[in-house]
């Protein structure tokens, strides 16, 4: 069960928690900027709802479901800081592009690529420093040195940095260089890692496991949310099926379903889903049409020479075309939003002209 207290003062929150404790009900407080939620962890199904709704400060009572917090996190965008300006993701805003190499190969490589993806329209830089590879003989990443290179590249180009951590021990040393912690598909079920990331104050991009159901993805998100970090970004990256023409099978139905079940932003990774660069653009367009809040795409200045996952890396030129297509599709599906932006731009230009005339 969840009790929503809105933007309640601490004394009211303490009073509700004390009331619950006196009734023998274990509880936990989860806070975000404008809302305080008290999660009742004990079984309260046999207790009448009015016991909780009549507590001072309680605005809403929600009976626990399989994933209560993902349904109750307030609607709104997630702010990703670390670049020139904060990047807003979700909340009905236009989709964003996160792009970069599968693996950071060196300082010059990541700096050159950061400049290229920025020019192509990306607003955040992705790259792997710690690489959980299926084969122990494959390139495992540059580790902390790679993160330092990527952060330098991000700062030079005004791009926040998104990168994966594969263990709890990597979180603290990575924190100064990472603006969004990524949880890879292999680690979606690593609940201790999820709980520790839930104690951080940076956004977490949670990828769906390759054999995970939608409900299992939501339960994994719950581990992060329950620790107090409400900045969770869900990522559909393809699931394993019997099909072998593609690396995985992109489940775009998951995007629409997740958007109906939660207000958390949903992004799509077409690179890992299909594994072949020729199909990245059409799947990206389909993802935006399904309502995705953004894309996370692997890009490389010389894709065929990429150390890791060369077959799915696209050029910055292809990336720029995807960014244009995504904006066109979003505007077509959201004409009211597009009209508002156009009107605001016209007003801004008119105001600027008027000011120029006065100054002159």
Protein backbone atom coordinates (compact mmCIF):
# COMPACT_ATOMS: atom_id res chain seq x y z
CA UNK A 1 0.00 0.00 0.00
CA UNK A 2 1.18 3.55 -0.75
CA UNK A 3 0.15 6.72 1.07
CA UNK A 4 0.65 9.91 -0.92
CA UNK A 5 1.26 12.99 1.25
CA UNK A 6 1.93 15.53 -1.48
CA UNK A 7 4.45 18.17 -0.49
CA UNK A 8 3.93 17.56 3.24
CA UNK A 9 6.10 18.97 6.01
CA UNK A 10 8.50 16.63 7.78
CA UNK A 11 6.52 16.66 11.02
CA UNK A 12 3.41 15.35 9.21
CA UNK A 13 5.46 12.63 7.50
CA UNK A 14 6.94 11.59 10.84
CA UNK A 15 3.49 11.50 12.39
CA UNK A 16 2.13 9.20 9.67
CA UNK A 17 5.15 6.90 9.92
CA UNK A 18 4.80 6.74 13.70
CA UNK A 19 1.10 5.90 13.37
CA UNK A 20 1.93 3.05 11.00
CA UNK A 21 4.73 1.77 13.21
CA UNK A 22 2.43 1.73 16.24
CA UNK A 23 0.08 -0.48 14.24
CA UNK A 24 2.94 -2.88 13.59
CA UNK A 25 3.27 -1.91 9.92
CA UNK A 26 6.75 -1.63 8.46
CA UNK A 27 7.06 1.46 6.23
CA UNK A 28 9.50 3.43 4.11
CA UNK A 29 9.50 7.06 2.97
CA UNK A 30 10.23 7.82 -0.70
CA UNK A 31 10.67 11.48 -1.71
CA UNK A 32 10.96 13.47 -4.89
CA UNK A 33 10.88 17.23 -5.47
CA UNK A 34 7.13 17.75 -5.02
CA UNK A 35 5.74 14.53 -3.59
CA UNK A 36 6.29 12.38 -0.52
CA UNK A 37 5.18 8.74 -0.63
CA UNK A 38 5.03 6.41 2.36
CA UNK A 39 5.21 2.77 1.27
CA UNK A 40 3.64 0.28 3.67
CA UNK A 41 5.82 -2.82 3.32
CA UNK A 42 3.79 -5.05 5.64
CA UNK A 43 0.67 -6.91 4.50
CA UNK A 44 -2.24 -4.51 4.96
CA UNK A 45 -4.82 -6.15 2.69
CA UNK A 46 -7.11 -7.06 5.57
CA UNK A 47 -7.18 -3.53 6.99
CA UNK A 48 -9.90 -1.11 5.82
CA UNK A 49 -8.70 1.75 3.66
CA UNK A 50 -10.28 4.48 5.80
CA UNK A 51 -7.74 3.79 8.56
CA UNK A 52 -5.06 5.19 6.28
CA UNK A 53 -7.05 7.81 4.36
CA UNK A 54 -8.11 9.53 7.59
CA UNK A 55 -4.56 10.03 8.81
CA UNK A 56 -3.64 13.70 8.88
CA UNK A 57 -1.70 14.71 5.77
CA UNK A 58 -2.64 11.68 3.65
CA UNK A 59 -4.03 12.80 0.29
CA UNK A 60 -4.35 9.47 -1.48
CA UNK A 61 -4.22 5.77 -0.64
CA UNK A 62 -3.22 3.21 -3.27
CA UNK A 63 -3.42 -0.51 -2.68
CA UNK A 64 -0.20 -2.31 -3.52
CA UNK A 65 0.06 -3.96 -6.91
CA UNK A 66 2.99 -5.86 -8.34
CA UNK A 67 4.79 -2.59 -9.08
CA UNK A 68 3.26 0.21 -7.02
CA UNK A 69 5.89 2.92 -7.28
CA UNK A 70 6.19 2.95 -11.06
CA UNK A 71 2.49 3.82 -11.17
CA UNK A 72 2.68 6.50 -8.49
CA UNK A 73 5.84 8.40 -9.46
CA UNK A 74 4.58 11.87 -10.43
CA UNK A 75 4.41 12.74 -14.12
CA UNK A 76 7.10 15.03 -15.42
CA UNK A 77 10.45 15.04 -17.18
CA UNK A 78 13.78 13.87 -15.81
CA UNK A 79 16.58 16.41 -15.89
CA UNK A 80 20.02 15.18 -16.99
CA UNK A 81 22.75 17.57 -15.92
CA UNK A 82 26.43 17.61 -16.82
CA UNK A 83 26.43 19.35 -20.19
CA UNK A 84 26.16 22.98 -21.21
CA UNK A 85 22.47 22.94 -20.37
CA UNK A 86 20.33 20.40 -18.56
CA UNK A 87 18.65 17.89 -20.86
CA UNK A 88 14.96 17.22 -20.20
CA UNK A 89 13.69 13.73 -20.96
CA UNK A 90 10.07 12.54 -20.95
CA UNK A 91 6.99 14.37 -19.77
CA UNK A 92 5.64 14.76 -23.31
CA UNK A 93 8.71 16.65 -24.52
CA UNK A 94 10.29 15.95 -27.94
CA UNK A 95 12.45 12.80 -28.04
CA UNK A 96 16.15 13.12 -27.36
CA UNK A 97 19.13 11.36 -28.93
CA UNK A 98 21.86 9.71 -26.83
CA UNK A 99 24.74 8.57 -29.02
CA UNK A 100 28.30 7.35 -28.87
CA UNK A 101 30.49 4.27 -29.28
CA UNK A 102 29.85 0.83 -27.87
CA UNK A 103 33.27 1.03 -26.21
CA UNK A 104 35.56 3.95 -25.50
CA UNK A 105 38.72 3.14 -27.43
CA UNK A 106 40.91 6.11 -26.52
CA UNK A 107 40.99 9.83 -25.75
CA UNK A 108 41.27 11.09 -29.33
CA UNK A 109 38.56 8.72 -30.56
CA UNK A 110 35.94 9.76 -28.02
CA UNK A 111 36.70 13.48 -28.33
CA UNK A 112 36.37 13.34 -32.12
CA UNK A 113 33.17 11.32 -31.92
CA UNK A 114 31.62 13.55 -29.25
CA UNK A 115 32.07 16.51 -31.56
CA UNK A 116 30.52 14.57 -34.44
CA UNK A 117 27.43 13.30 -32.60
CA UNK A 118 26.86 16.77 -31.14
CA UNK A 119 26.84 18.19 -34.67
CA UNK A 120 24.44 15.42 -35.70
CA UNK A 121 21.92 16.46 -33.05
CA UNK A 122 22.69 14.21 -30.08
CA UNK A 123 22.19 15.84 -26.67
CA UNK A 124 24.00 13.24 -24.54
CA UNK A 125 27.09 11.07 -25.01
CA UNK A 126 27.03 7.32 -24.39
CA UNK A 127 30.03 5.00 -24.25
CA UNK A 128 31.19 1.84 -22.52
CA UNK A 129 34.13 1.93 -20.13
CA UNK A 130 33.25 -1.30 -18.32
CA UNK A 131 32.12 -3.89 -20.86
CA UNK A 132 30.36 -7.07 -19.67
CA UNK A 133 31.15 -9.30 -22.66
CA UNK A 134 29.82 -12.77 -23.35
CA UNK A 135 33.33 -14.01 -24.11
CA UNK A 136 36.05 -13.38 -21.50
CA UNK A 137 38.50 -12.90 -24.38
CA UNK A 138 36.70 -9.91 -25.89
CA UNK A 139 37.68 -6.30 -25.14
CA UNK A 140 36.50 -5.46 -21.63
CA UNK A 141 36.84 -1.66 -21.81
CA UNK A 142 39.31 0.95 -20.57
CA UNK A 143 37.70 1.25 -17.14
CA UNK A 144 38.13 4.48 -15.19
CA UNK A 145 40.57 5.95 -17.71
CA UNK A 146 37.91 5.57 -20.38
CA UNK A 147 35.36 7.41 -18.23
CA UNK A 148 37.82 10.27 -17.72
CA UNK A 149 38.32 10.56 -21.48
CA UNK A 150 34.57 10.53 -22.10
CA UNK A 151 33.86 13.13 -19.42
CA UNK A 152 36.49 15.38 -20.98
CA UNK A 153 34.87 14.90 -24.39
CA UNK A 154 31.44 15.60 -22.92
CA UNK A 155 32.55 18.81 -21.24
CA UNK A 156 34.22 20.05 -24.42
CA UNK A 157 31.00 19.59 -26.35
CA UNK A 158 28.38 20.37 -23.69
CA UNK A 159 27.12 16.78 -23.52
CA UNK A 160 26.19 14.89 -20.34
CA UNK A 161 27.68 11.39 -20.11
CA UNK A 162 25.81 8.07 -19.96
CA UNK A 163 27.81 4.95 -19.08
CA UNK A 164 27.33 1.52 -17.55
CA UNK A 165 28.52 0.28 -14.18
CA UNK A 166 28.54 -3.49 -13.73
CA UNK A 167 29.21 -3.76 -10.01
CA UNK A 168 28.57 -1.87 -6.78
CA UNK A 169 32.31 -1.23 -6.39
CA UNK A 170 32.38 0.79 -9.63
CA UNK A 171 29.70 3.29 -8.59
CA UNK A 172 31.71 5.54 -6.28
CA UNK A 173 34.83 5.95 -8.48
CA UNK A 174 32.65 6.43 -11.58
CA UNK A 175 30.33 9.04 -10.06
CA UNK A 176 32.50 12.13 -10.80
CA UNK A 177 32.57 11.24 -14.50
CA UNK A 178 29.08 9.83 -15.15
CA UNK A 179 25.89 11.90 -15.33
CA UNK A 180 23.55 8.94 -15.93
CA UNK A 181 24.32 5.46 -14.60
CA UNK A 182 23.38 2.74 -17.07
CA UNK A 183 22.34 -0.76 -16.02
CA UNK A 184 22.92 -3.21 -18.86
CA UNK A 185 20.63 -6.05 -19.88
CA UNK A 186 22.80 -8.62 -18.10
CA UNK A 187 22.52 -6.73 -14.82
CA UNK A 188 18.77 -6.04 -14.80
CA UNK A 189 18.40 -8.87 -12.27
CA UNK A 190 21.36 -7.71 -10.13
CA UNK A 191 19.15 -6.46 -7.32
CA UNK A 192 21.97 -5.43 -4.97
CA UNK A 193 23.38 -3.19 -7.71
CA UNK A 194 19.93 -1.74 -8.34
CA UNK A 195 19.41 -0.98 -4.66
CA UNK A 196 22.77 0.79 -4.43
CA UNK A 197 21.99 2.88 -7.52
CA UNK A 198 18.69 3.73 -5.84
CA UNK A 199 20.71 5.43 -3.10
CA UNK A 200 22.46 7.67 -5.63
CA UNK A 201 21.13 11.04 -6.73
CA UNK A 202 21.80 10.70 -10.43
CA UNK A 203 19.43 9.29 -13.08
CA UNK A 204 19.60 5.57 -13.83
CA UNK A 205 18.98 4.17 -17.31
CA UNK A 206 17.68 0.64 -16.79
CA UNK A 207 17.84 -1.71 -19.76
CA UNK A 208 15.43 -4.59 -20.11
CA UNK A 209 17.04 -8.01 -19.78
CA UNK A 210 17.17 -10.00 -22.99
CA UNK A 211 14.81 -12.64 -21.52
CA UNK A 212 12.86 -10.39 -19.14
CA UNK A 213 9.14 -9.76 -19.21
CA UNK A 214 7.73 -6.25 -18.99
CA UNK A 215 6.60 -6.88 -15.41
CA UNK A 216 10.09 -8.07 -14.47
CA UNK A 217 11.52 -4.84 -15.88
CA UNK A 218 9.06 -2.84 -13.77
CA UNK A 219 9.96 -4.86 -10.68
CA UNK A 220 13.63 -4.14 -11.31
CA UNK A 221 12.82 -0.42 -11.53
CA UNK A 222 10.98 -0.80 -8.24
CA UNK A 223 14.23 -1.76 -6.50
CA UNK A 224 15.73 1.59 -7.53
CA UNK A 225 12.64 3.66 -6.75
CA UNK A 226 12.15 2.12 -3.32
CA UNK A 227 15.55 3.43 -2.21
CA UNK A 228 14.46 6.99 -2.99
CA UNK A 229 15.87 7.60 -6.47
CA UNK A 230 12.87 8.42 -8.67
CA UNK A 231 15.01 9.34 -11.69
CA UNK A 232 14.65 6.05 -13.54
CA UNK A 233 14.70 5.79 -17.34
CA UNK A 234 13.39 2.52 -18.80
CA UNK A 235 15.08 1.16 -21.93
CA UNK A 236 13.76 -1.39 -24.39
CA UNK A 237 16.74 -2.98 -26.16
CA UNK A 238 15.31 -6.10 -27.73
CA UNK A 239 14.61 -9.55 -26.35
CA UNK A 240 15.90 -12.99 -27.29
CA UNK A 241 13.56 -15.01 -29.50
CA UNK A 242 13.86 -17.82 -32.04
CA UNK A 243 14.56 -15.30 -34.83
CA UNK A 244 18.18 -15.32 -36.02
CA UNK A 245 18.07 -12.72 -38.79
CA UNK A 246 18.64 -10.05 -36.16
CA UNK A 247 20.72 -9.93 -33.00
CA UNK A 248 17.57 -9.70 -30.86
CA UNK A 249 13.91 -8.92 -31.53
CA UNK A 250 12.89 -5.33 -30.82
CA UNK A 251 9.67 -5.42 -28.77
CA UNK A 252 8.05 -2.11 -29.65
CA UNK A 253 4.83 -3.20 -27.99
CA UNK A 254 6.76 -2.79 -24.73
CA UNK A 255 7.11 0.94 -25.39
CA UNK A 256 3.36 1.49 -25.65
CA UNK A 257 2.64 -0.81 -22.70
CA UNK A 258 5.26 0.79 -20.46
CA UNK A 259 3.94 4.26 -21.33
CA UNK A 260 0.47 3.12 -20.25
CA UNK A 261 1.71 1.68 -16.96
CA UNK A 262 4.10 4.35 -15.72
CA UNK A 263 5.11 7.97 -16.14
CA UNK A 264 8.81 7.02 -16.19
CA UNK A 265 10.55 7.97 -19.46
CA UNK A 266 11.01 5.14 -21.97
CA UNK A 267 13.87 5.09 -24.47
CA UNK A 268 14.72 2.55 -27.15
CA UNK A 269 18.09 1.06 -28.08
CA UNK A 270 17.74 -0.11 -31.70
CA UNK A 271 21.46 -0.90 -31.96
CA UNK A 272 21.44 -3.88 -29.61
CA UNK A 273 17.97 -4.89 -30.76
CA UNK A 274 18.78 -5.47 -34.42
CA UNK A 275 22.59 -5.60 -34.44
CA UNK A 276 22.81 -4.50 -38.09
CA UNK A 277 23.40 -0.88 -39.03
CA UNK A 278 21.16 -0.96 -42.13
CA UNK A 279 18.07 -1.40 -39.95
CA UNK A 280 18.86 1.14 -37.20
CA UNK A 281 17.13 4.05 -38.96
CA UNK A 282 13.77 2.34 -39.72
CA UNK A 283 13.54 0.87 -36.22
CA UNK A 284 14.36 4.28 -34.75
CA UNK A 285 11.51 5.84 -36.69
CA UNK A 286 9.14 3.10 -35.53
CA UNK A 287 10.22 3.61 -31.90
CA UNK A 288 9.40 7.32 -32.01
CA UNK A 289 6.06 6.57 -33.65
CA UNK A 290 5.28 4.20 -30.76
CA UNK A 291 5.85 7.01 -28.26
CA UNK A 292 9.46 6.54 -27.15
CA UNK A 293 10.89 9.52 -25.28
CA UNK A 294 14.30 9.06 -26.83
CA UNK A 295 16.82 6.81 -28.54
CA UNK A 296 20.20 5.51 -27.41
CA UNK A 297 22.24 4.62 -30.49
CA UNK A 298 25.75 3.37 -31.11
CA UNK A 299 27.71 5.63 -33.45
CA UNK A 300 31.32 5.63 -34.62
CA UNK A 301 33.31 7.82 -37.00
CA UNK A 302 34.69 4.66 -38.65
CA UNK A 303 32.08 1.98 -37.89
CA UNK A 304 33.88 -0.91 -39.59
CA UNK A 305 36.95 -0.25 -37.44
CA UNK A 306 35.03 -0.23 -34.14
CA UNK A 307 36.64 -2.51 -31.56
CA UNK A 308 33.25 -3.58 -30.22
CA UNK A 309 29.99 -4.37 -32.08
CA UNK A 310 31.14 -2.90 -35.38
CA UNK A 311 28.21 -4.37 -37.30
CA UNK A 312 25.66 -2.20 -35.49
CA UNK A 313 27.55 1.10 -35.30
CA UNK A 314 26.30 3.89 -37.58
CA UNK A 315 28.05 6.97 -38.92
CA UNK A 316 27.35 10.48 -37.57
CA UNK A 317 25.74 11.26 -40.95
CA UNK A 318 23.19 8.46 -40.49
CA UNK A 319 22.66 9.66 -36.94
CA UNK A 320 21.82 13.17 -38.20
CA UNK A 321 19.20 11.71 -40.55
CA UNK A 322 17.63 9.78 -37.67
CA UNK A 323 17.48 12.94 -35.53
CA UNK A 324 15.68 14.77 -38.36
CA UNK A 325 13.25 11.89 -38.87
CA UNK A 326 12.51 11.66 -35.15
CA UNK A 327 11.64 15.36 -34.97
CA UNK A 328 9.41 15.09 -38.06
CA UNK A 329 7.51 12.11 -36.67
CA UNK A 330 7.09 13.68 -33.23
CA UNK A 331 5.79 16.93 -34.72
CA UNK A 332 3.37 15.05 -36.96
CA UNK A 333 1.98 13.09 -34.01
CA UNK A 334 1.89 16.12 -31.69
CA UNK A 335 0.63 19.01 -33.84
CA UNK A 336 -0.46 21.11 -30.85
CA UNK A 337 3.02 20.98 -29.34
CA UNK A 338 4.64 21.78 -32.69
CA UNK A 339 2.29 24.73 -33.22
CA UNK A 340 3.08 26.12 -29.76
CA UNK A 341 6.83 25.93 -30.38
CA UNK A 342 6.43 27.60 -33.76
CA UNK A 343 4.34 30.40 -32.25
CA UNK A 344 6.85 30.95 -29.45
CA UNK A 345 9.71 31.09 -31.93
CA UNK A 346 7.85 33.63 -34.05
CA UNK A 347 7.13 35.73 -30.98
CA UNK A 348 10.78 35.58 -29.97
CA UNK A 349 11.94 36.69 -33.40
CA UNK A 350 9.37 39.51 -33.44
CA UNK A 351 10.46 40.63 -29.99
CA UNK A 352 14.09 40.54 -31.03
CA UNK A 353 13.40 42.64 -34.12
CA UNK A 354 11.48 45.17 -32.06
CA UNK A 355 14.29 45.46 -29.53
CA UNK A 356 16.81 45.92 -32.34
CA UNK A 357 14.74 48.69 -33.83
CA UNK A 358 14.52 50.51 -30.48
CA UNK A 359 18.25 50.14 -29.87
CA UNK A 360 18.98 51.44 -33.31
